[in-house]
PDB file of N, CA and C in Angstrom:
ATOM      1  N   MET A   1       0.832  -1.180   0.000  1.00  0.00           N
ATOM      2  CA  MET A   1       0.000   0.000   0.000  1.00  0.00           C
ATOM      3  C   MET A   1       0.878   1.245   0.000  1.00  0.00           C
ATOM      4  N   ALA A   2       0.356   2.283  -0.551  1.00  0.00           N
ATOM      5  CA  ALA A   2       1.023   3.583  -0.567  1.00  0.00           C
ATOM      6  C   ALA A   2       0.020   4.630  -0.110  1.00  0.00           C
ATOM      7  N   TRP A   3       0.526   5.787   0.211  1.00  0.00           N
ATOM      8  CA  TRP A   3      -0.308   6.890   0.664  1.00  0.00           C
ATOM      9  C   TRP A   3      -0.142   8.072  -0.277  1.00  0.00           C
ATOM     10  N   GLU A   4      -1.260   8.748  -0.558  1.00  0.00           N
ATOM     11  CA  GLU A   4      -1.244   9.954  -1.369  1.00  0.00           C
ATOM     12  C   GLU A   4      -1.646  11.126  -0.485  1.00  0.00           C
ATOM     13  N   LEU A   5      -0.845  12.167  -0.512  1.00  0.00           N
ATOM     14  CA  LEU A   5      -1.107  13.382   0.252  1.00  0.00           C
ATOM     15  C   LEU A   5      -1.392  14.507  -0.721  1.00  0.00           C
ATOM     16  N   THR A   6      -2.554  15.140  -0.575  1.00  0.00           N
ATOM     17  CA  THR A   6      -2.887  16.323  -1.356  1.00  0.00           C
ATOM     18  C   THR A   6      -2.905  17.500  -0.399  1.00  0.00           C
ATOM     19  N   THR A   7      -2.107  18.495  -0.699  1.00  0.00           N
ATOM     20  CA  THR A   7      -1.975  19.658   0.171  1.00  0.00           C
ATOM     21  C   THR A   7      -2.423  20.906  -0.564  1.00  0.00           C
ATOM     22  N   ALA A   8      -3.350  21.641   0.056  1.00  0.00           N
ATOM     23  CA  ALA A   8      -3.688  22.973  -0.428  1.00  0.00           C
ATOM     24  C   ALA A   8      -2.664  23.906   0.198  1.00  0.00           C
ATOM     25  N   ASP A   9      -1.727  24.355  -0.618  1.00  0.00           N
ATOM     26  CA  ASP A   9      -0.613  25.180  -0.159  1.00  0.00           C
ATOM     27  C   ASP A   9      -0.824  26.594  -0.685  1.00  0.00           C
ATOM     28  N   PRO A  10      -1.062  27.565   0.196  1.00  0.00           N
ATOM     29  CA  PRO A  10      -1.350  28.922  -0.278  1.00  0.00           C
ATOM     30  C   PRO A  10      -0.209  29.550  -1.079  1.00  0.00           C
ATOM     31  N   SER A  11       1.003  29.070  -0.920  1.00  0.00           N
ATOM     32  CA  SER A  11       2.122  29.639  -1.673  1.00  0.00           C
ATOM     33  C   SER A  11       2.365  28.926  -3.001  1.00  0.00           C
ATOM     34  N   ALA A  12       1.699  27.792  -3.219  1.00  0.00           N
ATOM     35  CA  ALA A  12       1.929  27.009  -4.441  1.00  0.00           C
ATOM     36  C   ALA A  12       0.958  27.359  -5.557  1.00  0.00           C
ATOM     37  N   GLY A  13      -0.127  28.045  -5.244  1.00  0.00           N
ATOM     38  CA  GLY A  13      -1.088  28.412  -6.272  1.00  0.00           C
ATOM     39  C   GLY A  13      -1.995  27.280  -6.709  1.00  0.00           C
ATOM     40  N   GLY A  14      -1.992  26.187  -6.014  1.00  0.00           N
ATOM     41  CA  GLY A  14      -2.841  25.050  -6.340  1.00  0.00           C
ATOM     42  C   GLY A  14      -2.461  23.869  -5.487  1.00  0.00           C
ATOM     43  N   PRO A  15      -3.211  22.786  -5.622  1.00  0.00           N
ATOM     44  CA  PRO A  15      -2.908  21.612  -4.799  1.00  0.00           C
ATOM     45  C   PRO A  15      -1.575  20.965  -5.179  1.00  0.00           C
ATOM     46  N   VAL A  16      -0.911  20.441  -4.168  1.00  0.00           N
ATOM     47  CA  VAL A  16       0.350  19.727  -4.348  1.00  0.00           C
ATOM     48  C   VAL A  16       0.100  18.275  -3.953  1.00  0.00           C
ATOM     49  N   VAL A  17       0.404  17.340  -4.852  1.00  0.00           N
ATOM     50  CA  VAL A  17       0.160  15.921  -4.596  1.00  0.00           C
ATOM     51  C   VAL A  17       1.497  15.198  -4.491  1.00  0.00           C
ATOM     52  N   THR A  18       1.655  14.445  -3.404  1.00  0.00           N
ATOM     53  CA  THR A  18       2.859  13.637  -3.211  1.00  0.00           C
ATOM     54  C   THR A  18       2.435  12.233  -2.810  1.00  0.00           C
ATOM     55  N   ARG A  19       3.305  11.259  -3.068  1.00  0.00           N
ATOM     56  CA  ARG A  19       3.056   9.866  -2.670  1.00  0.00           C
ATOM     57  C   ARG A  19       4.122   9.411  -1.701  1.00  0.00           C
ATOM     58  N   HIS A  20       3.692   8.571  -0.753  1.00  0.00           N
ATOM     59  CA  HIS A  20       4.579   8.107   0.308  1.00  0.00           C
ATOM     60  C   HIS A  20       4.303   6.638   0.576  1.00  0.00           C
ATOM     61  N   ALA A  21       5.311   5.927   1.043  1.00  0.00           N
ATOM     62  CA  ALA A  21       5.187   4.489   1.285  1.00  0.00           C
ATOM     63  C   ALA A  21       4.369   4.170   2.530  1.00  0.00           C
ATOM     64  N   THR A  22       4.435   5.033   3.539  1.00  0.00           N
ATOM     65  CA  THR A  22       3.742   4.760   4.802  1.00  0.00           C
ATOM     66  C   THR A  22       3.065   6.026   5.314  1.00  0.00           C
ATOM     67  N   TYR A  23       2.147   5.834   6.260  1.00  0.00           N
ATOM     68  CA  TYR A  23       1.496   6.970   6.909  1.00  0.00           C
ATOM     69  C   TYR A  23       2.532   7.830   7.637  1.00  0.00           C
ATOM     70  N   ASP A  24       3.484   7.189   8.296  1.00  0.00           N
ATOM     71  CA  ASP A  24       4.526   7.937   9.010  1.00  0.00           C
ATOM     72  C   ASP A  24       5.307   8.847   8.063  1.00  0.00           C
ATOM     73  N   GLU A  25       5.542   8.378   6.843  1.00  0.00           N
ATOM     74  CA  GLU A  25       6.235   9.210   5.860  1.00  0.00           C
ATOM     75  C   GLU A  25       5.388  10.413   5.457  1.00  0.00           C
ATOM     76  N   VAL A  26       4.062  10.242   5.431  1.00  0.00           N
ATOM     77  CA  VAL A  26       3.166  11.372   5.149  1.00  0.00           C
ATOM     78  C   VAL A  26       3.368  12.449   6.209  1.00  0.00           C
ATOM     79  N   ILE A  27       3.312  12.042   7.476  1.00  0.00           N
ATOM     80  CA  ILE A  27       3.455  12.996   8.574  1.00  0.00           C
ATOM     81  C   ILE A  27       4.858  13.604   8.580  1.00  0.00           C
ATOM     82  N   ASP A  28       5.875  12.792   8.328  1.00  0.00           N
ATOM     83  CA  ASP A  28       7.247  13.314   8.253  1.00  0.00           C
ATOM     84  C   ASP A  28       7.375  14.358   7.142  1.00  0.00           C
ATOM     85  N   HIS A  29       6.719  14.101   6.010  1.00  0.00           N
ATOM     86  CA  HIS A  29       6.752  15.048   4.892  1.00  0.00           C
ATOM     87  C   HIS A  29       6.080  16.365   5.284  1.00  0.00           C
ATOM     88  N   ILE A  30       4.920  16.269   5.942  1.00  0.00           N
ATOM     89  CA  ILE A  30       4.225  17.482   6.387  1.00  0.00           C
ATOM     90  C   ILE A  30       5.134  18.288   7.316  1.00  0.00           C
ATOM     91  N   ARG A  31       5.741  17.610   8.278  1.00  0.00           N
ATOM     92  CA  ARG A  31       6.633  18.311   9.221  1.00  0.00           C
ATOM     93  C   ARG A  31       7.826  18.944   8.502  1.00  0.00           C
ATOM     94  N   ALA A  32       8.487  18.184   7.638  1.00  0.00           N
ATOM     95  CA  ALA A  32       9.699  18.671   6.966  1.00  0.00           C
ATOM     96  C   ALA A  32       9.408  19.796   5.974  1.00  0.00           C
ATOM     97  N   THR A  33       8.270  19.717   5.298  1.00  0.00           N
ATOM     98  CA  THR A  33       7.965  20.676   4.242  1.00  0.00           C
ATOM     99  C   THR A  33       7.274  21.929   4.760  1.00  0.00           C
ATOM    100  N   TYR A  34       6.331  21.756   5.675  1.00  0.00           N
ATOM    101  CA  TYR A  34       5.495  22.879   6.088  1.00  0.00           C
ATOM    102  C   TYR A  34       5.820  23.413   7.479  1.00  0.00           C
ATOM    103  N   ASP A  35       6.714  22.764   8.190  1.00  0.00           N
ATOM    104  CA  ASP A  35       7.211  23.253   9.480  1.00  0.00           C
ATOM    105  C   ASP A  35       8.710  22.966   9.592  1.00  0.00           C
ATOM    106  N   PRO A  36       9.501  23.430   8.604  1.00  0.00           N
ATOM    107  CA  PRO A  36      10.923  23.078   8.590  1.00  0.00           C
ATOM    108  C   PRO A  36      11.708  23.612   9.789  1.00  0.00           C
ATOM    109  N   GLY A  37      11.229  24.678  10.396  1.00  0.00           N
ATOM    110  CA  GLY A  37      11.920  25.225  11.558  1.00  0.00           C
ATOM    111  C   GLY A  37      11.582  24.518  12.848  1.00  0.00           C
ATOM    112  N   GLY A  38      10.628  23.590  12.784  1.00  0.00           N
ATOM    113  CA  GLY A  38      10.256  22.821  13.961  1.00  0.00           C
ATOM    114  C   GLY A  38       9.457  23.588  14.997  1.00  0.00           C
ATOM    115  N   TYR A  39       8.770  24.641  14.570  1.00  0.00           N
ATOM    116  CA  TYR A  39       7.975  25.447  15.499  1.00  0.00           C
ATOM    117  C   TYR A  39       6.940  24.595  16.228  1.00  0.00           C
ATOM    118  N   TYR A  40       6.351  23.637  15.511  1.00  0.00           N
ATOM    119  CA  TYR A  40       5.330  22.762  16.097  1.00  0.00           C
ATOM    120  C   TYR A  40       5.877  21.366  16.392  1.00  0.00           C
ATOM    121  N   ALA A  41       7.171  21.238  16.596  1.00  0.00           N
ATOM    122  CA  ALA A  41       7.823  19.934  16.767  1.00  0.00           C
ATOM    123  C   ALA A  41       7.273  19.126  17.936  1.00  0.00           C
ATOM    124  N   ASP A  42       6.791  19.790  18.967  1.00  0.00           N
ATOM    125  CA  ASP A  42       6.281  19.080  20.142  1.00  0.00           C
ATOM    126  C   ASP A  42       4.815  18.696  20.018  1.00  0.00           C
ATOM    127  N   GLU A  43       4.187  19.048  18.911  1.00  0.00           N
ATOM    128  CA  GLU A  43       2.764  18.764  18.712  1.00  0.00           C
ATOM    129  C   GLU A  43       2.577  17.401  18.056  1.00  0.00           C
ATOM    130  N   GLY A  44       1.474  16.753  18.382  1.00  0.00           N
ATOM    131  CA  GLY A  44       1.098  15.520  17.698  1.00  0.00           C
ATOM    132  C   GLY A  44       0.678  15.834  16.271  1.00  0.00           C
ATOM    133  N   SER A  45       0.468  14.804  15.469  1.00  0.00           N
ATOM    134  CA  SER A  45       0.172  15.027  14.053  1.00  0.00           C
ATOM    135  C   SER A  45      -1.136  15.785  13.846  1.00  0.00           C
ATOM    136  N   GLY A  46      -2.152  15.511  14.655  1.00  0.00           N
ATOM    137  CA  GLY A  46      -3.429  16.216  14.520  1.00  0.00           C
ATOM    138  C   GLY A  46      -3.304  17.685  14.870  1.00  0.00           C
ATOM    139  N   SER A  47      -2.634  17.980  15.969  1.00  0.00           N
ATOM    140  CA  SER A  47      -2.430  19.379  16.370  1.00  0.00           C
ATOM    141  C   SER A  47      -1.581  20.115  15.346  1.00  0.00           C
ATOM    142  N   LEU A  48      -0.551  19.453  14.838  1.00  0.00           N
ATOM    143  CA  LEU A  48       0.295  20.049  13.810  1.00  0.00           C
ATOM    144  C   LEU A  48      -0.551  20.476  12.615  1.00  0.00           C
ATOM    145  N   GLN A  49      -1.413  19.580  12.140  1.00  0.00           N
ATOM    146  CA  GLN A  49      -2.244  19.884  10.983  1.00  0.00           C
ATOM    147  C   GLN A  49      -3.227  21.007  11.290  1.00  0.00           C
ATOM    148  N   ASN A  50      -3.770  21.029  12.508  1.00  0.00           N
ATOM    149  CA  ASN A  50      -4.690  22.103  12.891  1.00  0.00           C
ATOM    150  C   ASN A  50      -3.986  23.455  12.907  1.00  0.00           C
ATOM    151  N   TYR A  51      -2.793  23.511  13.481  1.00  0.00           N
ATOM    152  CA  TYR A  51      -2.044  24.769  13.499  1.00  0.00           C
ATOM    153  C   TYR A  51      -1.710  25.227  12.085  1.00  0.00           C
ATOM    154  N   LEU A  52      -1.281  24.304  11.240  1.00  0.00           N
ATOM    155  CA  LEU A  52      -0.939  24.660   9.864  1.00  0.00           C
ATOM    156  C   LEU A  52      -2.182  25.065   9.073  1.00  0.00           C
ATOM    157  N   HIS A  53      -3.325  24.476   9.401  1.00  0.00           N
ATOM    158  CA  HIS A  53      -4.584  24.874   8.766  1.00  0.00           C
ATOM    159  C   HIS A  53      -4.846  26.358   9.044  1.00  0.00           C
ATOM    160  N   GLY A  54      -4.541  26.786  10.261  1.00  0.00           N
ATOM    161  CA  GLY A  54      -4.697  28.193  10.615  1.00  0.00           C
ATOM    162  C   GLY A  54      -3.797  29.111   9.799  1.00  0.00           C
ATOM    163  N   GLU A  55      -2.761  28.560   9.209  1.00  0.00           N
ATOM    164  CA  GLU A  55      -1.853  29.324   8.352  1.00  0.00           C
ATOM    165  C   GLU A  55      -2.222  29.195   6.875  1.00  0.00           C
ATOM    166  N   GLY A  56      -3.340  28.507   6.583  1.00  0.00           N
ATOM    167  CA  GLY A  56      -3.823  28.410   5.213  1.00  0.00           C
ATOM    168  C   GLY A  56      -3.595  27.086   4.512  1.00  0.00           C
ATOM    169  N   TYR A  57      -2.992  26.124   5.193  1.00  0.00           N
ATOM    170  CA  TYR A  57      -2.744  24.812   4.587  1.00  0.00           C
ATOM    171  C   TYR A  57      -3.901  23.866   4.891  1.00  0.00           C
ATOM    172  N   GLU A  58      -4.191  22.992   3.947  1.00  0.00           N
ATOM    173  CA  GLU A  58      -5.172  21.928   4.163  1.00  0.00           C
ATOM    174  C   GLU A  58      -4.565  20.630   3.659  1.00  0.00           C
ATOM    175  N   PHE A  59      -4.755  19.571   4.433  1.00  0.00           N
ATOM    176  CA  PHE A  59      -4.163  18.282   4.108  1.00  0.00           C
ATOM    177  C   PHE A  59      -5.246  17.229   3.950  1.00  0.00           C
ATOM    178  N   ASP A  60      -5.135  16.458   2.874  1.00  0.00           N
ATOM    179  CA  ASP A  60      -6.034  15.330   2.639  1.00  0.00           C
ATOM    180  C   ASP A  60      -5.150  14.158   2.230  1.00  0.00           C
ATOM    181  N   TYR A  61      -5.231  13.073   2.967  1.00  0.00           N
ATOM    182  CA  TYR A  61      -4.415  11.917   2.620  1.00  0.00           C
ATOM    183  C   TYR A  61      -5.272  10.669   2.637  1.00  0.00           C
ATOM    184  N   ARG A  62      -4.862   9.729   1.800  1.00  0.00           N
ATOM    185  CA  ARG A  62      -5.616   8.474   1.691  1.00  0.00           C
ATOM    186  C   ARG A  62      -4.668   7.350   1.323  1.00  0.00           C
ATOM    187  N   GLU A  63      -5.065   6.159   1.739  1.00  0.00           N
ATOM    188  CA  GLU A  63      -4.283   4.974   1.414  1.00  0.00           C
ATOM    189  C   GLU A  63      -4.702   4.487   0.033  1.00  0.00           C
ATOM    190  N   LEU A  64      -3.730   4.161  -0.791  1.00  0.00           N
ATOM    191  CA  LEU A  64      -3.984   3.711  -2.156  1.00  0.00           C
ATOM    192  C   LEU A  64      -3.770   2.211  -2.273  1.00  0.00           C
ATOM    193  N   ASP A  65      -4.548   1.582  -3.132  1.00  0.00           N
ATOM    194  CA  ASP A  65      -4.285   0.193  -3.497  1.00  0.00           C
ATOM    195  C   ASP A  65      -3.228   0.210  -4.590  1.00  0.00           C
ATOM    196  N   ASN A  66      -2.219  -0.596  -4.444  1.00  0.00           N
ATOM    197  CA  ASN A  66      -1.150  -0.626  -5.460  1.00  0.00           C
ATOM    198  C   ASN A  66      -1.526  -1.494  -6.618  1.00  0.00           C
TER     199      ASN A  66
END
């Protein structure tokens, strides 16, 4: 199985789609790409996404059948 992450990124001008091997890689990608300074490093994945949503990001991820 693989995971697809679609991100509404206000700086990208449209949705950004990435694929990842595991759910953990999805969360790692969100942290590395949208919080590179680690401002929300102590937050769980749900809180991280909520804080980033407040900055204009939206995340939708789903497991894909290979």
